[in-house]
Amino acid sequence: LTTRMPTRKRKVLLCAADVYRPAAIKQLEILGKSVGVEVFSMGTEVDPVDIAQAAVEKAKVEGFDTVVVDTAGRQVIDADLMDELRRIKETVTPQETLLVIDAMTGQEAAKLTASFDEAVGISGAILTKLDGDSRGGAAVSVRGVSGKPIKFVGTGEKVQDLEPFYPDRMASRILGMGDVVSLVEKAAAE
């Protein structure tokens, strides 16, 4: 996500607040290093709300202008996680709250989006694993139930596989008309 921010010079801090998934912090540290972004971590024994708050304080003191808080994710609705996310949002008052959702969940994506939006209030979504045309239905569902925009899509495992979402291009792919513009852009970039 940090590689897709506006082109003006930003000082970004990634905050490792997923204390539940094994190796999540290490994975974020490796990713941060690969894109040249500092990662703030306090380990797995600290409340994620305290981690997010400390990261924002560090950002203010050290001149970071953007903080990306990576929280725990779930493929199912979890009341404790929703409460934790609400508390993080109340504590750090983010400008954006993006739900990252697996496009392979199909229609479950709609239920997850509705639940997260109702419980936490999202400003948009990022769809991952959208490398197949058949997964376009998740995009329609996410937008339909939340009314919030899909900001990015992940089409692979690499950092450069996170792309801005263009609804008209997705519609063309779903309707079998192809996505010529994206193909031309990829060819021009290579």
Protein backbone atom coordinates (compact mmCIF):
# COMPACT_ATOMS: atom_id res chain seq x y z
CA LEU A 1 0.00 0.00 0.00
CA THR A 2 2.84 2.39 0.81
CA THR A 3 4.18 2.04 -2.73
CA ARG A 4 0.81 3.25 -4.10
CA MET A 5 0.60 6.49 -2.13
CA PRO A 6 0.64 9.81 -3.97
CA THR A 7 3.94 10.61 -5.60
CA ARG A 8 4.81 13.50 -3.31
CA LYS A 9 7.54 12.61 -0.85
CA ARG A 10 6.00 10.90 2.19
CA LYS A 11 7.53 9.64 5.37
CA VAL A 12 5.55 6.48 6.12
CA LEU A 13 5.50 4.34 9.25
CA LEU A 14 4.00 0.85 9.19
CA CYS A 15 2.54 -0.26 12.52
CA ALA A 16 2.53 -4.00 13.33
CA ALA A 17 -0.67 -4.40 15.38
CA ASP A 18 -1.52 -8.00 14.39
CA VAL A 19 -0.36 -9.76 17.54
CA TYR A 20 -2.32 -12.97 16.93
CA ARG A 21 -1.14 -14.49 13.66
CA PRO A 22 2.14 -16.36 13.93
CA ALA A 23 4.96 -14.45 12.22
CA ALA A 24 2.71 -11.51 11.20
CA ILE A 25 5.10 -8.97 12.70
CA LYS A 26 8.15 -10.54 11.07
CA GLN A 27 6.34 -10.69 7.72
CA LEU A 28 5.50 -6.97 7.96
CA GLU A 29 9.11 -6.16 8.90
CA ILE A 30 10.39 -8.05 5.85
CA LEU A 31 7.87 -6.27 3.62
CA GLY A 32 8.72 -2.88 5.12
CA LYS A 33 12.42 -3.45 4.53
CA SER A 34 11.79 -4.47 0.92
CA VAL A 35 9.96 -1.19 0.16
CA GLY A 36 12.12 1.04 2.35
CA VAL A 37 9.51 1.79 5.01
CA GLU A 38 10.12 1.69 8.76
CA VAL A 39 8.01 -0.76 10.79
CA PHE A 40 6.97 0.00 14.37
CA SER A 41 6.43 -3.02 16.61
CA MET A 42 6.03 -3.67 20.32
CA GLY A 43 5.83 -7.47 20.14
CA THR A 44 2.94 -9.86 20.67
CA GLU A 45 2.30 -9.30 24.38
CA VAL A 46 0.97 -5.73 24.03
CA ASP A 47 -2.62 -4.66 23.37
CA PRO A 48 -2.97 -3.67 19.68
CA VAL A 49 -4.72 -0.44 20.74
CA ASP A 50 -1.64 0.56 22.74
CA ILE A 51 0.61 -0.37 19.80
CA ALA A 52 -1.39 1.79 17.38
CA GLN A 53 -1.42 4.71 19.82
CA ALA A 54 2.35 4.46 20.40
CA ALA A 55 2.96 4.33 16.64
CA VAL A 56 0.96 7.54 16.09
CA GLU A 57 2.86 9.25 18.92
CA LYS A 58 6.18 8.13 17.39
CA ALA A 59 5.01 9.47 14.02
CA LYS A 60 4.24 12.89 15.52
CA VAL A 61 7.57 13.10 17.36
CA GLU A 62 9.70 11.85 14.46
CA GLY A 63 8.00 13.67 11.57
CA PHE A 64 6.19 10.79 9.85
CA ASP A 65 3.21 12.09 7.88
CA THR A 66 1.52 8.75 7.25
CA VAL A 67 0.92 5.79 9.56
CA VAL A 68 -0.47 2.52 8.21
CA VAL A 69 -1.76 0.31 11.03
CA ASP A 70 -1.80 -3.38 10.09
CA THR A 71 -4.37 -5.10 12.29
CA ALA A 72 -5.45 -8.70 12.66
CA GLY A 73 -7.79 -9.98 10.00
CA ARG A 74 -10.46 -12.63 9.98
CA GLN A 75 -12.43 -14.52 7.35
CA VAL A 76 -15.34 -14.76 9.77
CA ILE A 77 -17.08 -12.25 12.02
CA ASP A 78 -15.41 -12.10 15.43
CA ALA A 79 -16.92 -9.89 18.17
CA ASP A 80 -13.60 -9.49 20.02
CA LEU A 81 -11.82 -8.38 16.84
CA MET A 82 -14.59 -5.90 16.03
CA ASP A 83 -14.31 -4.42 19.53
CA GLU A 84 -10.53 -4.17 19.17
CA LEU A 85 -10.87 -2.43 15.79
CA ARG A 86 -13.44 0.02 17.21
CA ARG A 87 -11.08 0.84 20.08
CA ILE A 88 -8.14 1.37 17.70
CA LYS A 89 -10.24 3.64 15.51
CA GLU A 90 -11.47 5.67 18.51
CA THR A 91 -7.91 6.00 19.82
CA VAL A 92 -6.00 6.98 16.67
CA THR A 93 -8.86 8.54 14.62
CA PRO A 94 -7.60 7.49 11.16
CA GLN A 95 -8.40 9.36 7.97
CA GLU A 96 -8.96 6.04 6.17
CA THR A 97 -10.20 2.69 7.44
CA LEU A 98 -9.69 0.14 4.69
CA LEU A 99 -11.02 -3.40 4.85
CA VAL A 100 -8.73 -5.89 3.13
CA ILE A 101 -10.87 -8.74 1.84
CA ASP A 102 -10.08 -11.96 0.02
CA ALA A 103 -11.94 -12.00 -3.31
CA MET A 104 -11.98 -15.80 -3.19
CA THR A 105 -14.58 -15.65 -0.40
CA GLY A 106 -17.17 -14.86 -3.09
CA GLN A 107 -20.56 -13.87 -1.68
CA GLU A 108 -19.16 -14.16 1.86
CA ALA A 109 -17.27 -10.97 0.97
CA ALA A 110 -20.58 -9.11 1.07
CA LYS A 111 -21.43 -10.38 4.57
CA LEU A 112 -17.96 -9.60 5.89
CA THR A 113 -18.02 -6.12 4.38
CA ALA A 114 -21.45 -5.32 5.78
CA SER A 115 -20.45 -6.54 9.25
CA PHE A 116 -17.17 -4.62 9.29
CA ASP A 117 -18.80 -1.46 7.96
CA GLU A 118 -21.58 -1.64 10.53
CA ALA A 119 -19.25 -2.41 13.45
CA VAL A 120 -16.24 -0.24 12.62
CA GLY A 121 -17.17 2.03 9.72
CA ILE A 122 -14.93 1.58 6.70
CA SER A 123 -13.95 4.22 4.16
CA GLY A 124 -13.12 1.71 1.44
CA ALA A 125 -11.80 -1.73 0.62
CA ILE A 126 -8.84 -3.52 -0.86
CA LEU A 127 -9.62 -6.79 -2.63
CA THR A 128 -6.88 -9.41 -2.74
CA LYS A 129 -6.54 -12.51 -4.92
CA LEU A 130 -8.41 -10.82 -7.75
CA ASP A 131 -6.27 -12.50 -10.38
CA GLY A 132 -9.16 -14.38 -11.96
CA ASP A 133 -12.11 -12.94 -13.86
CA SER A 134 -14.60 -15.11 -11.96
CA ARG A 135 -13.80 -13.23 -8.76
CA GLY A 136 -15.27 -9.96 -10.01
CA GLY A 137 -18.51 -10.76 -8.23
CA ALA A 138 -16.84 -10.05 -4.90
CA ALA A 139 -16.04 -6.54 -6.13
CA VAL A 140 -19.67 -5.92 -7.03
CA SER A 141 -20.80 -7.33 -3.66
CA VAL A 142 -18.37 -5.24 -1.59
CA ARG A 143 -19.41 -2.01 -3.26
CA GLY A 144 -23.09 -2.93 -3.25
CA VAL A 145 -23.43 -3.65 0.48
CA SER A 146 -21.21 -0.89 1.83
CA GLY A 147 -21.58 1.88 -0.72
CA LYS A 148 -17.85 2.44 -0.14
CA PRO A 149 -15.28 2.42 -2.95
CA ILE A 150 -12.84 -0.34 -3.68
CA LYS A 151 -9.55 1.52 -3.67
CA PHE A 152 -7.07 -1.19 -4.68
CA VAL A 153 -6.96 -4.76 -5.91
CA GLY A 154 -4.27 -7.34 -5.41
CA THR A 155 -3.68 -9.49 -8.48
CA GLY A 156 -0.70 -11.50 -7.23
CA GLU A 157 1.81 -12.00 -4.45
CA LYS A 158 4.32 -9.26 -5.29
CA VAL A 159 4.31 -5.64 -4.08
CA GLN A 160 3.76 -4.37 -7.62
CA ASP A 161 0.67 -6.58 -7.92
CA LEU A 162 -1.36 -4.11 -5.85
CA GLU A 163 -3.12 -1.88 -8.35
CA PRO A 164 -5.65 0.95 -8.22
CA PHE A 165 -9.18 -0.35 -8.81
CA TYR A 166 -10.97 0.81 -11.94
CA PRO A 167 -14.64 -0.25 -11.93
CA ASP A 168 -15.08 0.18 -15.69
CA ARG A 169 -12.18 -2.17 -16.38
CA MET A 170 -13.57 -4.77 -13.98
CA ALA A 171 -16.97 -4.52 -15.65
CA SER A 172 -15.35 -5.14 -19.04
CA ARG A 173 -13.59 -8.23 -17.67
CA ILE A 174 -16.78 -9.58 -16.06
CA LEU A 175 -18.69 -9.10 -19.32
CA GLY A 176 -15.97 -10.93 -21.24
CA MET A 177 -14.79 -7.86 -23.13
CA GLY A 178 -11.26 -8.00 -21.71
CA ASP A 179 -9.24 -5.25 -20.11
CA VAL A 180 -7.13 -3.84 -22.92
CA VAL A 181 -6.15 -0.67 -21.03
CA SER A 182 -4.53 -2.63 -18.18
CA LEU A 183 -2.67 -4.85 -20.65
CA VAL A 184 -1.29 -1.79 -22.46
CA GLU A 185 -0.26 -0.17 -19.15
CA LYS A 186 1.54 -3.33 -18.03
CA ALA A 187 3.35 -3.63 -21.35
CA ALA A 188 4.40 0.03 -21.22
CA ALA A 189 5.74 -0.37 -17.68
CA GLU A 190 7.92 -3.36 -18.62
